[in-house]
N, C-alpha and C. Protein backbone atom coordinates (compact mmCIF):
# COMPACT_ATOMS: atom_id res chain seq x y z
N UNK A 1 -30.45 -0.35 -12.20
CA UNK A 1 -29.30 0.46 -11.78
C UNK A 1 -29.27 1.75 -12.58
N UNK A 2 -28.93 2.85 -11.93
CA UNK A 2 -28.90 4.15 -12.60
C UNK A 2 -27.71 4.24 -13.53
N UNK A 3 -27.77 5.28 -14.39
CA UNK A 3 -26.65 5.51 -15.31
C UNK A 3 -25.37 5.79 -14.53
N UNK A 4 -25.51 6.50 -13.40
CA UNK A 4 -24.34 6.79 -12.58
C UNK A 4 -23.75 5.50 -12.02
N UNK A 5 -24.63 4.57 -11.59
CA UNK A 5 -24.15 3.30 -11.05
C UNK A 5 -23.42 2.49 -12.09
N UNK A 6 -23.89 2.53 -13.34
CA UNK A 6 -23.21 1.81 -14.42
C UNK A 6 -21.87 2.43 -14.76
N UNK A 7 -21.81 3.75 -14.62
CA UNK A 7 -20.62 4.46 -15.04
C UNK A 7 -19.42 4.16 -14.15
N UNK A 8 -19.66 4.00 -12.83
CA UNK A 8 -18.55 3.79 -11.90
C UNK A 8 -17.79 2.50 -12.19
N UNK A 9 -18.47 1.32 -12.31
CA UNK A 9 -17.73 0.10 -12.63
C UNK A 9 -17.05 0.17 -13.99
N UNK A 10 -17.70 0.82 -14.96
CA UNK A 10 -17.12 0.94 -16.30
C UNK A 10 -15.84 1.77 -16.25
N UNK A 11 -15.84 2.84 -15.46
CA UNK A 11 -14.65 3.67 -15.32
C UNK A 11 -13.52 2.88 -14.67
N UNK A 12 -13.86 2.09 -13.65
CA UNK A 12 -12.84 1.29 -12.97
C UNK A 12 -12.21 0.31 -13.93
N UNK A 13 -13.03 -0.36 -14.73
CA UNK A 13 -12.51 -1.32 -15.71
C UNK A 13 -11.65 -0.63 -16.76
N UNK A 14 -12.06 0.57 -17.16
CA UNK A 14 -11.28 1.32 -18.15
C UNK A 14 -9.90 1.66 -17.60
N UNK A 15 -9.84 2.08 -16.33
CA UNK A 15 -8.55 2.39 -15.71
C UNK A 15 -7.68 1.15 -15.60
N UNK A 16 -8.28 0.02 -15.24
CA UNK A 16 -7.52 -1.22 -15.12
C UNK A 16 -6.94 -1.62 -16.48
N UNK A 17 -7.77 -1.58 -17.51
CA UNK A 17 -7.30 -1.93 -18.85
C UNK A 17 -6.20 -0.98 -19.33
N UNK A 18 -6.37 0.30 -19.02
CA UNK A 18 -5.36 1.27 -19.41
C UNK A 18 -4.04 1.00 -18.69
N UNK A 19 -4.13 0.63 -17.41
CA UNK A 19 -2.93 0.32 -16.64
C UNK A 19 -2.20 -0.87 -17.24
N UNK A 20 -2.94 -1.91 -17.62
CA UNK A 20 -2.32 -3.06 -18.26
C UNK A 20 -1.62 -2.66 -19.56
N UNK A 21 -2.28 -1.83 -20.35
CA UNK A 21 -1.71 -1.41 -21.62
C UNK A 21 -0.40 -0.63 -21.42
N UNK A 22 -0.40 0.30 -20.48
CA UNK A 22 0.79 1.10 -20.22
C UNK A 22 1.92 0.24 -19.64
N UNK A 23 1.54 -0.70 -18.77
CA UNK A 23 2.55 -1.59 -18.19
C UNK A 23 3.19 -2.46 -19.26
N UNK A 24 2.35 -3.03 -20.11
CA UNK A 24 2.89 -3.88 -21.18
C UNK A 24 3.76 -3.08 -22.14
N UNK A 25 3.37 -1.85 -22.43
CA UNK A 25 4.17 -1.00 -23.33
C UNK A 25 5.56 -0.77 -22.73
N UNK A 26 5.61 -0.51 -21.43
CA UNK A 26 6.90 -0.27 -20.77
C UNK A 26 7.75 -1.54 -20.76
N UNK A 27 7.13 -2.69 -20.44
CA UNK A 27 7.87 -3.94 -20.37
C UNK A 27 8.37 -4.38 -21.74
N UNK A 28 7.53 -4.22 -22.76
CA UNK A 28 7.89 -4.69 -24.10
C UNK A 28 9.06 -3.90 -24.68
N UNK A 29 9.30 -2.68 -24.19
CA UNK A 29 10.40 -1.86 -24.69
C UNK A 29 11.73 -2.20 -24.03
N UNK A 30 11.69 -3.05 -22.99
CA UNK A 30 12.91 -3.40 -22.27
C UNK A 30 13.69 -4.48 -23.01
N UNK A 31 14.99 -4.61 -22.76
CA UNK A 31 15.78 -5.71 -23.33
C UNK A 31 15.18 -7.06 -22.91
N UNK A 32 15.40 -8.11 -23.70
CA UNK A 32 14.76 -9.42 -23.46
C UNK A 32 14.92 -9.95 -22.03
N UNK A 33 16.13 -9.87 -21.46
CA UNK A 33 16.32 -10.42 -20.12
C UNK A 33 15.52 -9.67 -19.08
N UNK A 34 15.52 -8.34 -19.18
CA UNK A 34 14.72 -7.54 -18.24
C UNK A 34 13.24 -7.79 -18.47
N UNK A 35 12.86 -7.99 -19.73
CA UNK A 35 11.46 -8.23 -20.05
C UNK A 35 10.96 -9.50 -19.37
N UNK A 36 11.76 -10.55 -19.42
CA UNK A 36 11.36 -11.82 -18.78
C UNK A 36 11.22 -11.64 -17.27
N UNK A 37 12.19 -10.96 -16.68
CA UNK A 37 12.14 -10.75 -15.23
C UNK A 37 10.95 -9.88 -14.84
N UNK A 38 10.69 -8.84 -15.64
CA UNK A 38 9.59 -7.93 -15.34
C UNK A 38 8.24 -8.64 -15.45
N UNK A 39 8.07 -9.47 -16.48
CA UNK A 39 6.81 -10.20 -16.65
C UNK A 39 6.59 -11.19 -15.50
N UNK A 40 7.66 -11.86 -15.08
CA UNK A 40 7.55 -12.79 -13.96
C UNK A 40 7.19 -12.04 -12.68
N UNK A 41 7.79 -10.87 -12.49
CA UNK A 41 7.51 -10.06 -11.31
C UNK A 41 6.06 -9.59 -11.32
N UNK A 42 5.60 -9.12 -12.47
CA UNK A 42 4.22 -8.66 -12.61
C UNK A 42 3.24 -9.80 -12.34
N UNK A 43 3.50 -10.97 -12.93
CA UNK A 43 2.60 -12.11 -12.76
C UNK A 43 2.52 -12.53 -11.29
N UNK A 44 3.68 -12.53 -10.61
CA UNK A 44 3.70 -12.95 -9.21
C UNK A 44 2.86 -12.02 -8.34
N UNK A 45 3.07 -10.71 -8.50
CA UNK A 45 2.42 -9.77 -7.58
C UNK A 45 0.97 -9.47 -7.95
N UNK A 46 0.56 -9.80 -9.16
CA UNK A 46 -0.85 -9.70 -9.51
C UNK A 46 -1.59 -11.02 -9.28
N UNK A 47 -0.83 -12.12 -9.22
CA UNK A 47 -1.43 -13.45 -9.17
C UNK A 47 -1.66 -13.98 -7.77
N UNK A 48 -1.67 -15.33 -7.67
CA UNK A 48 -2.00 -15.97 -6.40
C UNK A 48 -0.94 -15.74 -5.34
N UNK A 49 0.26 -15.31 -5.73
CA UNK A 49 1.28 -14.99 -4.75
C UNK A 49 1.16 -13.58 -4.21
N UNK A 50 0.24 -12.79 -4.78
CA UNK A 50 0.12 -11.40 -4.37
C UNK A 50 -1.31 -10.92 -4.27
N UNK A 51 -1.72 -10.13 -5.27
CA UNK A 51 -3.00 -9.43 -5.20
C UNK A 51 -4.20 -10.37 -5.12
N UNK A 52 -4.22 -11.41 -5.93
CA UNK A 52 -5.37 -12.32 -5.92
C UNK A 52 -5.52 -13.01 -4.57
N UNK A 53 -4.41 -13.43 -4.00
CA UNK A 53 -4.48 -14.09 -2.70
C UNK A 53 -4.93 -13.11 -1.62
N UNK A 54 -4.38 -11.90 -1.65
CA UNK A 54 -4.78 -10.90 -0.68
C UNK A 54 -6.26 -10.56 -0.77
N UNK A 55 -6.76 -10.44 -2.00
CA UNK A 55 -8.17 -10.13 -2.19
C UNK A 55 -9.06 -11.27 -1.72
N UNK A 56 -8.63 -12.50 -1.97
CA UNK A 56 -9.39 -13.66 -1.52
C UNK A 56 -9.50 -13.69 0.00
N UNK A 57 -8.37 -13.44 0.68
CA UNK A 57 -8.38 -13.42 2.14
C UNK A 57 -9.24 -12.27 2.66
N UNK A 58 -9.18 -11.14 1.98
CA UNK A 58 -9.99 -9.98 2.37
C UNK A 58 -11.47 -10.32 2.30
N UNK A 59 -11.89 -10.94 1.21
CA UNK A 59 -13.30 -11.26 1.04
C UNK A 59 -13.79 -12.30 2.05
N UNK A 60 -12.87 -13.13 2.53
CA UNK A 60 -13.23 -14.17 3.48
C UNK A 60 -12.79 -13.85 4.91
N UNK A 61 -12.52 -12.57 5.17
CA UNK A 61 -11.97 -12.18 6.47
C UNK A 61 -12.88 -12.55 7.63
N UNK A 62 -14.19 -12.49 7.43
CA UNK A 62 -15.13 -12.79 8.52
C UNK A 62 -14.93 -14.20 9.08
N UNK A 63 -14.40 -15.11 8.26
CA UNK A 63 -14.20 -16.49 8.70
C UNK A 63 -12.79 -16.75 9.22
N UNK A 64 -11.94 -15.72 9.21
CA UNK A 64 -10.54 -15.88 9.61
C UNK A 64 -10.28 -15.26 10.98
N UNK A 65 -9.21 -15.67 11.66
CA UNK A 65 -8.85 -15.04 12.93
C UNK A 65 -8.55 -13.55 12.71
N UNK A 66 -9.12 -12.70 13.54
CA UNK A 66 -8.91 -11.26 13.39
C UNK A 66 -7.65 -10.85 14.15
N UNK A 67 -6.52 -11.29 13.64
CA UNK A 67 -5.24 -11.09 14.31
C UNK A 67 -4.32 -10.22 13.46
N UNK A 68 -3.21 -9.82 14.07
CA UNK A 68 -2.20 -9.06 13.33
C UNK A 68 -1.67 -9.88 12.16
N UNK A 69 -1.46 -11.18 12.38
CA UNK A 69 -0.92 -12.02 11.32
C UNK A 69 -1.83 -12.04 10.10
N UNK A 70 -3.14 -12.18 10.33
CA UNK A 70 -4.08 -12.23 9.21
C UNK A 70 -4.14 -10.89 8.48
N UNK A 71 -4.25 -9.80 9.24
CA UNK A 71 -4.34 -8.49 8.60
C UNK A 71 -3.05 -8.16 7.85
N UNK A 72 -1.91 -8.57 8.41
CA UNK A 72 -0.63 -8.35 7.72
C UNK A 72 -0.57 -9.15 6.42
N UNK A 73 -1.07 -10.37 6.45
CA UNK A 73 -1.05 -11.21 5.25
C UNK A 73 -1.88 -10.58 4.14
N UNK A 74 -3.01 -10.03 4.52
CA UNK A 74 -3.88 -9.36 3.53
C UNK A 74 -3.20 -8.09 3.01
N UNK A 75 -2.61 -7.31 3.91
CA UNK A 75 -1.92 -6.09 3.49
C UNK A 75 -0.74 -6.39 2.57
N UNK A 76 -0.01 -7.46 2.89
CA UNK A 76 1.11 -7.85 2.03
C UNK A 76 0.61 -8.24 0.65
N UNK A 77 -0.49 -8.98 0.60
CA UNK A 77 -1.01 -9.42 -0.69
C UNK A 77 -1.56 -8.30 -1.54
N UNK A 78 -2.23 -7.34 -0.90
CA UNK A 78 -2.90 -6.28 -1.66
C UNK A 78 -2.05 -5.00 -1.73
N UNK A 79 -1.97 -4.28 -0.62
CA UNK A 79 -1.34 -2.96 -0.65
C UNK A 79 0.15 -3.03 -0.99
N UNK A 80 0.87 -3.94 -0.33
CA UNK A 80 2.31 -4.02 -0.58
C UNK A 80 2.58 -4.47 -2.02
N UNK A 81 1.80 -5.41 -2.53
CA UNK A 81 1.99 -5.85 -3.92
C UNK A 81 1.82 -4.69 -4.89
N UNK A 82 0.80 -3.86 -4.68
CA UNK A 82 0.56 -2.73 -5.58
C UNK A 82 1.68 -1.69 -5.48
N UNK A 83 2.15 -1.42 -4.25
CA UNK A 83 3.24 -0.46 -4.10
C UNK A 83 4.52 -1.01 -4.73
N UNK A 84 4.75 -2.30 -4.59
CA UNK A 84 5.92 -2.92 -5.23
C UNK A 84 5.84 -2.78 -6.75
N UNK A 85 4.67 -2.97 -7.32
CA UNK A 85 4.53 -2.83 -8.76
C UNK A 85 4.76 -1.39 -9.20
N UNK A 86 4.40 -0.44 -8.34
CA UNK A 86 4.59 0.97 -8.68
C UNK A 86 6.03 1.42 -8.52
N UNK A 87 6.79 0.81 -7.61
CA UNK A 87 8.14 1.27 -7.30
C UNK A 87 9.23 0.32 -7.82
N UNK A 88 9.06 -0.98 -7.57
CA UNK A 88 10.12 -1.93 -7.92
C UNK A 88 10.09 -2.30 -9.40
N UNK A 89 8.89 -2.50 -9.96
CA UNK A 89 8.80 -2.90 -11.37
C UNK A 89 9.48 -1.90 -12.31
N UNK A 90 9.24 -0.58 -12.17
CA UNK A 90 9.95 0.36 -13.05
C UNK A 90 11.47 0.28 -12.89
N UNK A 91 11.93 0.07 -11.64
CA UNK A 91 13.37 -0.05 -11.41
C UNK A 91 13.92 -1.30 -12.09
N UNK A 92 13.15 -2.38 -12.05
CA UNK A 92 13.56 -3.62 -12.71
C UNK A 92 13.64 -3.43 -14.22
N UNK A 93 12.63 -2.78 -14.79
CA UNK A 93 12.63 -2.51 -16.23
C UNK A 93 13.80 -1.59 -16.61
N UNK A 94 14.11 -0.64 -15.72
CA UNK A 94 15.17 0.33 -16.01
C UNK A 94 16.57 -0.19 -15.80
N UNK A 95 16.71 -1.43 -15.31
CA UNK A 95 18.05 -2.00 -15.18
C UNK A 95 18.76 -1.71 -13.88
N UNK A 96 18.01 -1.50 -12.80
CA UNK A 96 18.64 -1.29 -11.50
C UNK A 96 19.44 -2.52 -11.09
N UNK A 97 20.49 -2.30 -10.32
CA UNK A 97 21.33 -3.41 -9.86
C UNK A 97 20.58 -4.23 -8.81
N UNK A 98 21.12 -5.40 -8.48
CA UNK A 98 20.49 -6.26 -7.48
C UNK A 98 20.40 -5.54 -6.13
N UNK A 99 21.49 -4.85 -5.76
CA UNK A 99 21.48 -4.12 -4.50
C UNK A 99 20.45 -3.02 -4.49
N UNK A 100 20.34 -2.29 -5.60
CA UNK A 100 19.34 -1.23 -5.69
C UNK A 100 17.93 -1.80 -5.65
N UNK A 101 17.71 -2.92 -6.33
CA UNK A 101 16.39 -3.54 -6.32
C UNK A 101 15.98 -3.97 -4.92
N UNK A 102 16.95 -4.46 -4.14
CA UNK A 102 16.63 -4.84 -2.76
C UNK A 102 16.20 -3.62 -1.95
N UNK A 103 16.86 -2.48 -2.17
CA UNK A 103 16.48 -1.26 -1.45
C UNK A 103 15.11 -0.76 -1.92
N UNK A 104 14.88 -0.79 -3.23
CA UNK A 104 13.55 -0.42 -3.74
C UNK A 104 12.48 -1.30 -3.11
N UNK A 105 12.76 -2.59 -3.00
CA UNK A 105 11.79 -3.52 -2.44
C UNK A 105 11.51 -3.22 -0.98
N UNK A 106 12.56 -2.88 -0.21
CA UNK A 106 12.35 -2.57 1.21
C UNK A 106 11.55 -1.28 1.37
N UNK A 107 11.84 -0.29 0.53
CA UNK A 107 11.05 0.94 0.57
C UNK A 107 9.58 0.62 0.29
N UNK A 108 9.33 -0.18 -0.75
CA UNK A 108 7.96 -0.53 -1.11
C UNK A 108 7.28 -1.30 0.01
N UNK A 109 8.01 -2.20 0.66
CA UNK A 109 7.45 -2.97 1.77
C UNK A 109 7.04 -2.04 2.91
N UNK A 110 7.95 -1.19 3.35
CA UNK A 110 7.65 -0.34 4.49
C UNK A 110 6.59 0.70 4.15
N UNK A 111 6.63 1.23 2.94
CA UNK A 111 5.60 2.19 2.55
C UNK A 111 4.24 1.52 2.37
N UNK A 112 4.23 0.33 1.78
CA UNK A 112 2.97 -0.37 1.59
C UNK A 112 2.29 -0.66 2.91
N UNK A 113 3.05 -1.18 3.88
CA UNK A 113 2.48 -1.44 5.20
C UNK A 113 2.10 -0.14 5.89
N UNK A 114 2.90 0.92 5.70
CA UNK A 114 2.59 2.22 6.30
C UNK A 114 1.26 2.75 5.78
N UNK A 115 1.09 2.70 4.47
CA UNK A 115 -0.15 3.22 3.88
C UNK A 115 -1.36 2.42 4.37
N UNK A 116 -1.19 1.11 4.55
CA UNK A 116 -2.31 0.31 5.02
C UNK A 116 -2.64 0.62 6.48
N UNK A 117 -1.62 0.73 7.33
CA UNK A 117 -1.86 1.10 8.72
C UNK A 117 -2.50 2.48 8.79
N UNK A 118 -2.00 3.40 7.98
CA UNK A 118 -2.55 4.76 7.95
C UNK A 118 -4.01 4.74 7.54
N UNK A 119 -4.34 3.98 6.50
CA UNK A 119 -5.73 3.90 6.04
C UNK A 119 -6.63 3.30 7.13
N UNK A 120 -6.12 2.28 7.81
CA UNK A 120 -6.90 1.65 8.87
C UNK A 120 -7.13 2.61 10.04
N UNK A 121 -6.11 3.38 10.39
CA UNK A 121 -6.25 4.35 11.47
C UNK A 121 -7.22 5.47 11.08
N UNK A 122 -7.15 5.91 9.83
CA UNK A 122 -8.07 6.95 9.37
C UNK A 122 -9.51 6.46 9.44
N UNK A 123 -9.73 5.20 9.07
CA UNK A 123 -11.08 4.63 9.14
C UNK A 123 -11.57 4.60 10.58
N UNK A 124 -10.67 4.34 11.51
CA UNK A 124 -11.03 4.20 12.92
C UNK A 124 -11.18 5.53 13.63
N UNK A 125 -10.34 6.52 13.27
CA UNK A 125 -10.24 7.75 14.06
C UNK A 125 -10.87 8.98 13.42
N UNK A 126 -10.87 9.04 12.10
CA UNK A 126 -11.23 10.31 11.45
C UNK A 126 -12.69 10.33 10.99
N UNK A 127 -13.18 11.53 10.80
CA UNK A 127 -14.56 11.73 10.37
C UNK A 127 -14.66 11.66 8.85
N UNK A 128 -15.90 11.60 8.37
CA UNK A 128 -16.13 11.58 6.92
C UNK A 128 -15.61 12.85 6.27
N UNK A 129 -15.69 13.98 6.98
CA UNK A 129 -15.21 15.25 6.43
C UNK A 129 -13.70 15.22 6.22
N UNK A 130 -12.98 14.50 7.08
CA UNK A 130 -11.53 14.43 6.98
C UNK A 130 -11.06 13.43 5.93
N UNK A 131 -11.77 12.31 5.80
CA UNK A 131 -11.32 11.24 4.90
C UNK A 131 -12.04 11.21 3.57
N UNK A 132 -13.24 11.79 3.51
CA UNK A 132 -14.04 11.69 2.29
C UNK A 132 -14.71 10.34 2.14
N UNK A 133 -14.62 9.52 3.21
CA UNK A 133 -15.23 8.19 3.19
C UNK A 133 -16.06 8.00 4.45
N UNK A 134 -16.93 6.99 4.44
CA UNK A 134 -17.72 6.67 5.62
C UNK A 134 -16.80 6.16 6.73
N UNK A 135 -16.81 6.79 7.91
CA UNK A 135 -15.92 6.35 8.99
C UNK A 135 -16.38 5.03 9.61
N UNK A 136 -15.46 4.34 10.26
CA UNK A 136 -15.73 3.08 10.97
C UNK A 136 -16.36 2.03 10.07
N UNK A 137 -16.07 2.10 8.78
CA UNK A 137 -16.65 1.16 7.82
C UNK A 137 -16.08 -0.25 8.01
N UNK A 138 -14.79 -0.33 8.35
CA UNK A 138 -14.17 -1.65 8.53
C UNK A 138 -14.82 -2.41 9.67
N UNK A 139 -15.09 -1.71 10.76
CA UNK A 139 -15.74 -2.36 11.90
C UNK A 139 -17.16 -2.79 11.55
N UNK A 140 -17.89 -1.92 10.87
CA UNK A 140 -19.29 -2.22 10.53
C UNK A 140 -19.40 -3.39 9.56
N UNK A 141 -18.43 -3.50 8.63
CA UNK A 141 -18.49 -4.54 7.61
C UNK A 141 -17.60 -5.74 7.93
N UNK A 142 -16.98 -5.74 9.11
CA UNK A 142 -16.09 -6.83 9.54
C UNK A 142 -14.98 -7.04 8.52
N UNK A 143 -14.26 -5.95 8.24
CA UNK A 143 -13.16 -5.99 7.29
C UNK A 143 -11.83 -5.89 8.02
N UNK A 144 -10.74 -6.36 7.41
CA UNK A 144 -9.44 -6.30 8.08
C UNK A 144 -9.01 -4.88 8.38
N UNK A 145 -8.52 -4.68 9.60
CA UNK A 145 -8.08 -3.36 10.04
C UNK A 145 -7.10 -3.56 11.18
N UNK A 146 -5.85 -3.18 10.97
CA UNK A 146 -4.81 -3.45 11.96
C UNK A 146 -5.07 -2.68 13.26
N UNK A 147 -5.69 -1.50 13.18
CA UNK A 147 -5.99 -0.74 14.40
C UNK A 147 -7.02 -1.46 15.26
N UNK A 148 -7.94 -2.17 14.62
CA UNK A 148 -8.92 -2.96 15.36
C UNK A 148 -8.30 -4.25 15.89
N UNK A 149 -7.33 -4.78 15.16
CA UNK A 149 -6.71 -6.05 15.55
C UNK A 149 -5.75 -5.90 16.73
N UNK A 150 -4.98 -4.81 16.76
CA UNK A 150 -3.96 -4.67 17.81
C UNK A 150 -4.16 -3.43 18.68
N UNK A 151 -5.17 -2.63 18.36
CA UNK A 151 -5.43 -1.43 19.14
C UNK A 151 -4.80 -0.20 18.50
N UNK A 152 -5.43 0.95 18.70
CA UNK A 152 -4.97 2.19 18.08
C UNK A 152 -3.56 2.59 18.54
N UNK A 153 -3.24 2.58 19.85
CA UNK A 153 -1.89 2.98 20.26
C UNK A 153 -0.80 2.13 19.62
N UNK A 154 -1.01 0.81 19.58
CA UNK A 154 -0.01 -0.07 18.97
C UNK A 154 0.11 0.18 17.47
N UNK A 155 -1.02 0.46 16.83
CA UNK A 155 -1.00 0.74 15.39
C UNK A 155 -0.26 2.03 15.10
N UNK A 156 -0.45 3.05 15.94
CA UNK A 156 0.26 4.32 15.76
C UNK A 156 1.76 4.12 15.94
N UNK A 157 2.14 3.36 16.97
CA UNK A 157 3.56 3.07 17.20
C UNK A 157 4.15 2.33 16.01
N UNK A 158 3.39 1.39 15.48
CA UNK A 158 3.87 0.62 14.33
C UNK A 158 4.03 1.52 13.11
N UNK A 159 3.10 2.43 12.89
CA UNK A 159 3.19 3.35 11.76
C UNK A 159 4.45 4.19 11.85
N UNK A 160 4.75 4.71 13.03
CA UNK A 160 5.96 5.52 13.20
C UNK A 160 7.21 4.69 12.87
N UNK A 161 7.23 3.45 13.34
CA UNK A 161 8.40 2.60 13.11
C UNK A 161 8.56 2.29 11.62
N UNK A 162 7.45 1.99 10.94
CA UNK A 162 7.52 1.68 9.51
C UNK A 162 8.02 2.88 8.71
N UNK A 163 7.55 4.07 9.06
CA UNK A 163 8.00 5.28 8.37
C UNK A 163 9.50 5.49 8.59
N UNK A 164 9.96 5.27 9.82
CA UNK A 164 11.39 5.41 10.13
C UNK A 164 12.23 4.43 9.32
N UNK A 165 11.77 3.17 9.24
CA UNK A 165 12.50 2.17 8.46
C UNK A 165 12.49 2.52 6.97
N UNK A 166 11.35 3.01 6.48
CA UNK A 166 11.28 3.43 5.08
C UNK A 166 12.22 4.58 4.78
N UNK A 167 12.31 5.53 5.71
CA UNK A 167 13.22 6.67 5.55
C UNK A 167 14.67 6.19 5.45
N UNK A 168 15.02 5.24 6.29
CA UNK A 168 16.39 4.71 6.29
C UNK A 168 16.74 4.09 4.94
N UNK A 169 15.82 3.28 4.40
CA UNK A 169 16.06 2.64 3.11
C UNK A 169 16.10 3.68 1.98
N UNK A 170 15.22 4.68 2.06
CA UNK A 170 15.17 5.69 1.01
C UNK A 170 16.45 6.52 0.98
N UNK A 171 16.98 6.85 2.15
CA UNK A 171 18.24 7.62 2.19
C UNK A 171 19.37 6.83 1.53
N UNK A 172 19.43 5.55 1.81
CA UNK A 172 20.47 4.72 1.19
C UNK A 172 20.28 4.67 -0.32
N UNK A 173 19.05 4.59 -0.75
CA UNK A 173 18.75 4.48 -2.18
C UNK A 173 19.08 5.78 -2.90
N UNK A 174 18.70 6.91 -2.31
CA UNK A 174 19.00 8.20 -2.93
C UNK A 174 20.50 8.44 -2.96
N UNK A 175 21.22 7.90 -1.97
CA UNK A 175 22.68 8.01 -1.98
C UNK A 175 23.29 7.31 -3.18
N UNK A 176 22.66 6.20 -3.60
CA UNK A 176 23.15 5.46 -4.76
C UNK A 176 22.63 6.03 -6.08
N UNK A 177 21.39 6.51 -6.05
CA UNK A 177 20.74 7.01 -7.26
C UNK A 177 20.07 8.36 -6.95
N UNK A 178 20.82 9.47 -6.96
CA UNK A 178 20.24 10.77 -6.59
C UNK A 178 19.04 11.17 -7.44
N UNK A 179 18.94 10.64 -8.66
CA UNK A 179 17.84 11.06 -9.54
C UNK A 179 16.48 10.56 -9.08
N UNK A 180 16.45 9.61 -8.16
CA UNK A 180 15.14 9.15 -7.68
C UNK A 180 14.74 9.88 -6.40
N UNK A 181 15.36 11.02 -6.13
CA UNK A 181 15.01 11.81 -4.95
C UNK A 181 13.57 12.29 -4.99
N UNK A 182 12.93 12.25 -6.16
CA UNK A 182 11.52 12.66 -6.26
C UNK A 182 10.62 11.79 -5.37
N UNK A 183 11.09 10.59 -5.03
CA UNK A 183 10.31 9.72 -4.14
C UNK A 183 10.15 10.34 -2.75
N UNK A 184 11.03 11.27 -2.40
CA UNK A 184 10.93 11.92 -1.10
C UNK A 184 9.64 12.71 -0.97
N UNK A 185 9.08 13.15 -2.09
CA UNK A 185 7.80 13.86 -2.04
C UNK A 185 6.69 12.93 -1.58
N UNK A 186 6.72 11.68 -2.06
CA UNK A 186 5.72 10.71 -1.62
C UNK A 186 5.86 10.46 -0.13
N UNK A 187 7.09 10.40 0.33
CA UNK A 187 7.35 10.20 1.75
C UNK A 187 6.81 11.38 2.55
N UNK A 188 6.95 12.60 2.04
CA UNK A 188 6.45 13.78 2.73
C UNK A 188 4.93 13.75 2.85
N UNK A 189 4.26 13.30 1.79
CA UNK A 189 2.80 13.17 1.83
C UNK A 189 2.37 12.16 2.89
N UNK A 190 3.09 11.04 2.94
CA UNK A 190 2.81 10.00 3.93
C UNK A 190 2.99 10.55 5.34
N UNK A 191 4.08 11.27 5.55
CA UNK A 191 4.37 11.82 6.88
C UNK A 191 3.32 12.83 7.30
N UNK A 192 2.87 13.65 6.38
CA UNK A 192 1.86 14.66 6.69
C UNK A 192 0.55 14.00 7.15
N UNK A 193 0.13 12.95 6.43
CA UNK A 193 -1.10 12.25 6.81
C UNK A 193 -0.92 11.51 8.13
N UNK A 194 0.26 10.95 8.33
CA UNK A 194 0.54 10.23 9.58
C UNK A 194 0.48 11.18 10.77
N UNK A 195 0.98 12.41 10.60
CA UNK A 195 0.95 13.39 11.69
C UNK A 195 -0.48 13.73 12.07
N UNK A 196 -1.36 13.82 11.08
CA UNK A 196 -2.77 14.12 11.35
C UNK A 196 -3.43 12.97 12.11
N UNK A 197 -3.13 11.75 11.70
CA UNK A 197 -3.69 10.59 12.38
C UNK A 197 -3.15 10.51 13.81
N UNK A 198 -1.88 10.81 13.98
CA UNK A 198 -1.27 10.81 15.31
C UNK A 198 -1.99 11.81 16.21
N UNK A 199 -2.30 12.98 15.66
CA UNK A 199 -3.03 14.00 16.41
C UNK A 199 -4.41 13.49 16.79
N UNK A 200 -5.09 12.82 15.85
CA UNK A 200 -6.41 12.26 16.13
C UNK A 200 -6.36 11.22 17.25
N UNK A 201 -5.29 10.40 17.23
CA UNK A 201 -5.18 9.36 18.25
C UNK A 201 -4.95 9.97 19.63
N UNK A 202 -4.17 11.04 19.69
CA UNK A 202 -3.95 11.72 20.96
C UNK A 202 -5.24 12.34 21.49
N UNK A 203 -6.02 12.92 20.59
CA UNK A 203 -7.32 13.50 20.96
C UNK A 203 -8.26 12.43 21.50
N UNK A 204 -8.25 11.27 20.81
CA UNK A 204 -9.13 10.17 21.23
C UNK A 204 -8.73 9.64 22.59
N UNK A 205 -7.42 9.51 22.85
CA UNK A 205 -6.96 9.04 24.15
C UNK A 205 -7.29 10.04 25.24
N UNK A 206 -7.18 11.34 24.90
CA UNK A 206 -7.53 12.36 25.88
C UNK A 206 -9.00 12.34 26.24
N UNK A 207 -9.85 12.08 25.24
CA UNK A 207 -11.28 12.02 25.48
C UNK A 207 -11.64 10.86 26.40
N UNK A 208 -10.95 9.72 26.17
CA UNK A 208 -11.20 8.53 26.99
C UNK A 208 -10.77 8.77 28.43
N UNK A 209 -9.59 9.41 28.58
CA UNK A 209 -9.07 9.69 29.91
C UNK A 209 -9.98 10.66 30.65
């Protein structure tokens, strides 16, 4: 293996270790009750109830039914778990109320599923120049992809609905906690990419017609 090939896995491991260190530093600074809740939340979403289970299903996807239910289960385990750790865990450490935590969780759920649908549509519709990745890789490698499981038009419709639901939850959350309005920037980035994918899907349908 080349030096470049060795460097990539080493960099990934370094980022993972750094993430653990920063997460532990944030959790350890919290009051004891929040610390216990945060550690339990972290363990659940990184463990067999979240990321590990999602990754296992992903690796064994070729042997599973290629349905919406299966792809959703994988997305919930992987993408949604990671978005929840990025959005809900800091709120938990910071002492958000139960009602606020429920809203944070719904935002993370809708955004996590949105990002996964968006990524799947980009793999199906966009070129390497647009995505920076090899196109149609999911189909070639028999990997989970909601656009392949339910069709591009249904996936686009689902993406729009998920973004709308996420917007609704975010507005309620910002109404309670105006200081987290910075999350609207992430929503804007999501919407911009979704609009491009929507345009690609319309072009693809026009070509077929």
